[in-house]
Amino acid sequence: MSWIRYHVEHLKRWREVAEKFFKAARDLYPESEVYVIGSVAEGRHTVTSDVDILICFPEGIDVRRAKKKVILRAMDVYDVPWDYPFEVHAYTMSECEKVKRVSGKVVRIG
């Protein structure tokens, strides 16, 4: 299979992968919220796109540490492929509000 076809097949599963990140985030931080932003949410992705996952954590959480935990859980427990083209953007709830305001379309997951 060519790289292009392989990548396109991966991208077609963006909602499934986003749901896995939602489950991983909620397992660890029940108050968290997960969104997809960027070109995939806007329906303008290309073969070189990645899936931008926005995770909003409750105030007071160490966001950098929480982001790492969620990514590991999504991959280890929910089988997100290690080569899946995703980028996780993690913020507190208040920071997320700002990000959502300046993003184009925002798709809530879960």
C-alpha atoms as a PDB file:
ATOM      1  CA  MET A   1       0.000   0.000   0.000  1.00  0.00           C
ATOM      2  CA  SER A   2       1.327   3.439  -0.853  1.00  0.00           C
ATOM      3  CA  TRP A   3       2.038   5.996   1.868  1.00  0.00           C
ATOM      4  CA  ILE A   4      -0.678   8.263   0.473  1.00  0.00           C
ATOM      5  CA  ARG A   5      -3.363   5.596   0.598  1.00  0.00           C
ATOM      6  CA  TYR A   6      -2.211   4.499   4.062  1.00  0.00           C
ATOM      7  CA  HIS A   7      -2.359   8.084   5.367  1.00  0.00           C
ATOM      8  CA  VAL A   8      -5.764   8.740   3.789  1.00  0.00           C
ATOM      9  CA  GLU A   9      -7.148   5.573   5.393  1.00  0.00           C
ATOM     10  CA  HIS A  10      -5.831   6.739   8.770  1.00  0.00           C
ATOM     11  CA  LEU A  11      -7.418  10.164   8.367  1.00  0.00           C
ATOM     12  CA  LYS A  12     -10.807   8.647   7.509  1.00  0.00           C
ATOM     13  CA  ARG A  13     -10.861   7.264  11.056  1.00  0.00           C
ATOM     14  CA  TRP A  14     -10.423  10.658  12.738  1.00  0.00           C
ATOM     15  CA  ARG A  15     -13.678  10.515  14.703  1.00  0.00           C
ATOM     16  CA  GLU A  16     -12.909   7.015  15.998  1.00  0.00           C
ATOM     17  CA  VAL A  17      -9.454   8.133  17.123  1.00  0.00           C
ATOM     18  CA  ALA A  18     -10.854  11.297  18.726  1.00  0.00           C
ATOM     19  CA  GLU A  19     -13.318   9.129  20.693  1.00  0.00           C
ATOM     20  CA  LYS A  20     -10.375   7.114  22.008  1.00  0.00           C
ATOM     21  CA  PHE A  21      -8.726  10.304  23.232  1.00  0.00           C
ATOM     22  CA  PHE A  22     -12.034  11.295  24.833  1.00  0.00           C
ATOM     23  CA  LYS A  23     -12.226   7.977  26.700  1.00  0.00           C
ATOM     24  CA  ALA A  24      -8.594   8.207  27.804  1.00  0.00           C
ATOM     25  CA  ALA A  25      -9.049  11.783  29.034  1.00  0.00           C
ATOM     26  CA  ARG A  26     -12.280  10.983  30.876  1.00  0.00           C
ATOM     27  CA  ASP A  27     -10.756   7.892  32.493  1.00  0.00           C
ATOM     28  CA  LEU A  28      -8.063  10.049  34.064  1.00  0.00           C
ATOM     29  CA  TYR A  29      -9.812  13.420  34.378  1.00  0.00           C
ATOM     30  CA  PRO A  30     -13.618  12.970  34.430  1.00  0.00           C
ATOM     31  CA  GLU A  31     -14.261  16.712  34.089  1.00  0.00           C
ATOM     32  CA  SER A  32     -12.175  17.058  30.921  1.00  0.00           C
ATOM     33  CA  GLU A  33     -13.575  17.929  27.501  1.00  0.00           C
ATOM     34  CA  VAL A  34     -12.263  16.883  24.095  1.00  0.00           C
ATOM     35  CA  TYR A  35     -12.676  18.621  20.744  1.00  0.00           C
ATOM     36  CA  VAL A  36     -11.325  18.332  17.221  1.00  0.00           C
ATOM     37  CA  ILE A  37     -10.184  21.601  15.677  1.00  0.00           C
ATOM     38  CA  GLY A  38      -8.300  22.625  12.560  1.00  0.00           C
ATOM     39  CA  SER A  39      -8.541  21.377   9.008  1.00  0.00           C
ATOM     40  CA  VAL A  40     -10.167  18.051   9.868  1.00  0.00           C
ATOM     41  CA  ALA A  41     -12.968  19.731  11.845  1.00  0.00           C
ATOM     42  CA  GLU A  42     -13.458  22.178   8.991  1.00  0.00           C
ATOM     43  CA  GLY A  43     -13.534  19.433   6.356  1.00  0.00           C
ATOM     44  CA  ARG A  44     -10.574  20.856   4.443  1.00  0.00           C
ATOM     45  CA  HIS A  45      -7.873  18.344   5.357  1.00  0.00           C
ATOM     46  CA  THR A  46      -5.408  16.971   2.838  1.00  0.00           C
ATOM     47  CA  VAL A  47      -3.194  13.903   2.710  1.00  0.00           C
ATOM     48  CA  THR A  48      -0.524  15.747   4.729  1.00  0.00           C
ATOM     49  CA  SER A  49      -2.916  16.891   7.482  1.00  0.00           C
ATOM     50  CA  ASP A  50      -2.921  15.734  11.056  1.00  0.00           C
ATOM     51  CA  VAL A  51      -5.857  15.601  13.454  1.00  0.00           C
ATOM     52  CA  ASP A  52      -5.764  18.411  15.990  1.00  0.00           C
ATOM     53  CA  ILE A  53      -7.155  17.135  19.297  1.00  0.00           C
ATOM     54  CA  LEU A  54      -7.986  19.839  21.844  1.00  0.00           C
ATOM     55  CA  ILE A  55      -8.187  18.592  25.439  1.00  0.00           C
ATOM     56  CA  CYS A  56      -9.555  20.938  28.093  1.00  0.00           C
ATOM     57  CA  PHE A  57      -8.595  20.074  31.659  1.00  0.00           C
ATOM     58  CA  PRO A  58     -10.053  21.423  34.900  1.00  0.00           C
ATOM     59  CA  GLU A  59      -8.265  24.364  36.470  1.00  0.00           C
ATOM     60  CA  GLY A  60      -5.377  23.427  38.740  1.00  0.00           C
ATOM     61  CA  ILE A  61      -4.271  20.395  36.721  1.00  0.00           C
ATOM     62  CA  ASP A  62      -0.656  20.172  35.545  1.00  0.00           C
ATOM     63  CA  VAL A  63      -1.596  20.328  31.872  1.00  0.00           C
ATOM     64  CA  ARG A  64       1.742  19.141  30.464  1.00  0.00           C
ATOM     65  CA  ARG A  65       1.734  16.071  32.681  1.00  0.00           C
ATOM     66  CA  ALA A  66      -1.950  15.378  32.043  1.00  0.00           C
ATOM     67  CA  LYS A  67      -1.403  15.600  28.282  1.00  0.00           C
ATOM     68  CA  LYS A  68       1.336  12.962  28.444  1.00  0.00           C
ATOM     69  CA  LYS A  69      -0.824  10.652  30.560  1.00  0.00           C
ATOM     70  CA  VAL A  70      -3.774  10.933  28.187  1.00  0.00           C
ATOM     71  CA  ILE A  71      -1.652  10.274  25.096  1.00  0.00           C
ATOM     72  CA  LEU A  72      -0.080   7.199  26.696  1.00  0.00           C
ATOM     73  CA  ARG A  73      -3.469   5.894  27.811  1.00  0.00           C
ATOM     74  CA  ALA A  74      -5.015   6.480  24.385  1.00  0.00           C
ATOM     75  CA  MET A  75      -2.204   4.501  22.791  1.00  0.00           C
ATOM     76  CA  ASP A  76      -1.755   1.777  25.429  1.00  0.00           C
ATOM     77  CA  VAL A  77      -5.357   1.135  26.474  1.00  0.00           C
ATOM     78  CA  TYR A  78      -7.411   2.285  23.474  1.00  0.00           C
ATOM     79  CA  ASP A  79      -4.954   1.272  20.746  1.00  0.00           C
ATOM     80  CA  VAL A  80      -4.421   4.581  18.985  1.00  0.00           C
ATOM     81  CA  PRO A  81      -1.719   3.630  16.463  1.00  0.00           C
ATOM     82  CA  TRP A  82       1.708   5.069  17.258  1.00  0.00           C
ATOM     83  CA  ASP A  83       1.933   6.406  13.716  1.00  0.00           C
ATOM     84  CA  TYR A  84      -1.500   8.043  13.663  1.00  0.00           C
ATOM     85  CA  PRO A  85      -1.203  11.670  12.493  1.00  0.00           C
ATOM     86  CA  PHE A  86      -2.493  13.530  15.546  1.00  0.00           C
ATOM     87  CA  GLU A  87      -1.416  16.566  17.519  1.00  0.00           C
ATOM     88  CA  VAL A  88      -2.754  17.103  21.018  1.00  0.00           C
ATOM     89  CA  HIS A  89      -3.308  20.656  22.211  1.00  0.00           C
ATOM     90  CA  ALA A  90      -3.916  20.735  25.965  1.00  0.00           C
ATOM     91  CA  TYR A  91      -5.116  23.664  28.059  1.00  0.00           C
ATOM     92  CA  THR A  92      -7.097  24.491  31.163  1.00  0.00           C
ATOM     93  CA  MET A  93     -10.826  25.099  30.710  1.00  0.00           C
ATOM     94  CA  SER A  94     -10.408  28.876  30.756  1.00  0.00           C
ATOM     95  CA  GLU A  95      -7.566  28.745  28.231  1.00  0.00           C
ATOM     96  CA  CYS A  96      -9.635  26.424  26.042  1.00  0.00           C
ATOM     97  CA  GLU A  97     -12.403  28.987  25.785  1.00  0.00           C
ATOM     98  CA  LYS A  98      -9.935  31.379  24.164  1.00  0.00           C
ATOM     99  CA  VAL A  99      -8.651  28.680  21.796  1.00  0.00           C
ATOM    100  CA  LYS A 100     -12.184  27.701  20.763  1.00  0.00           C
ATOM    101  CA  ARG A 101     -13.077  31.349  20.069  1.00  0.00           C
ATOM    102  CA  VAL A 102     -10.186  31.809  17.635  1.00  0.00           C
ATOM    103  CA  SER A 103     -10.454  28.378  16.008  1.00  0.00           C
ATOM    104  CA  GLY A 104     -12.632  27.846  12.981  1.00  0.00           C
ATOM    105  CA  LYS A 105     -15.100  25.006  13.373  1.00  0.00           C
ATOM    106  CA  VAL A 106     -14.877  23.101  16.658  1.00  0.00           C
ATOM    107  CA  VAL A 107     -16.248  19.542  16.917  1.00  0.00           C
ATOM    108  CA  ARG A 108     -17.047  18.359  20.438  1.00  0.00           C
ATOM    109  CA  ILE A 109     -16.279  14.698  21.067  1.00  0.00           C
ATOM    110  CA  GLY A 110     -18.191  12.547  23.526  1.00  0.00           C
END
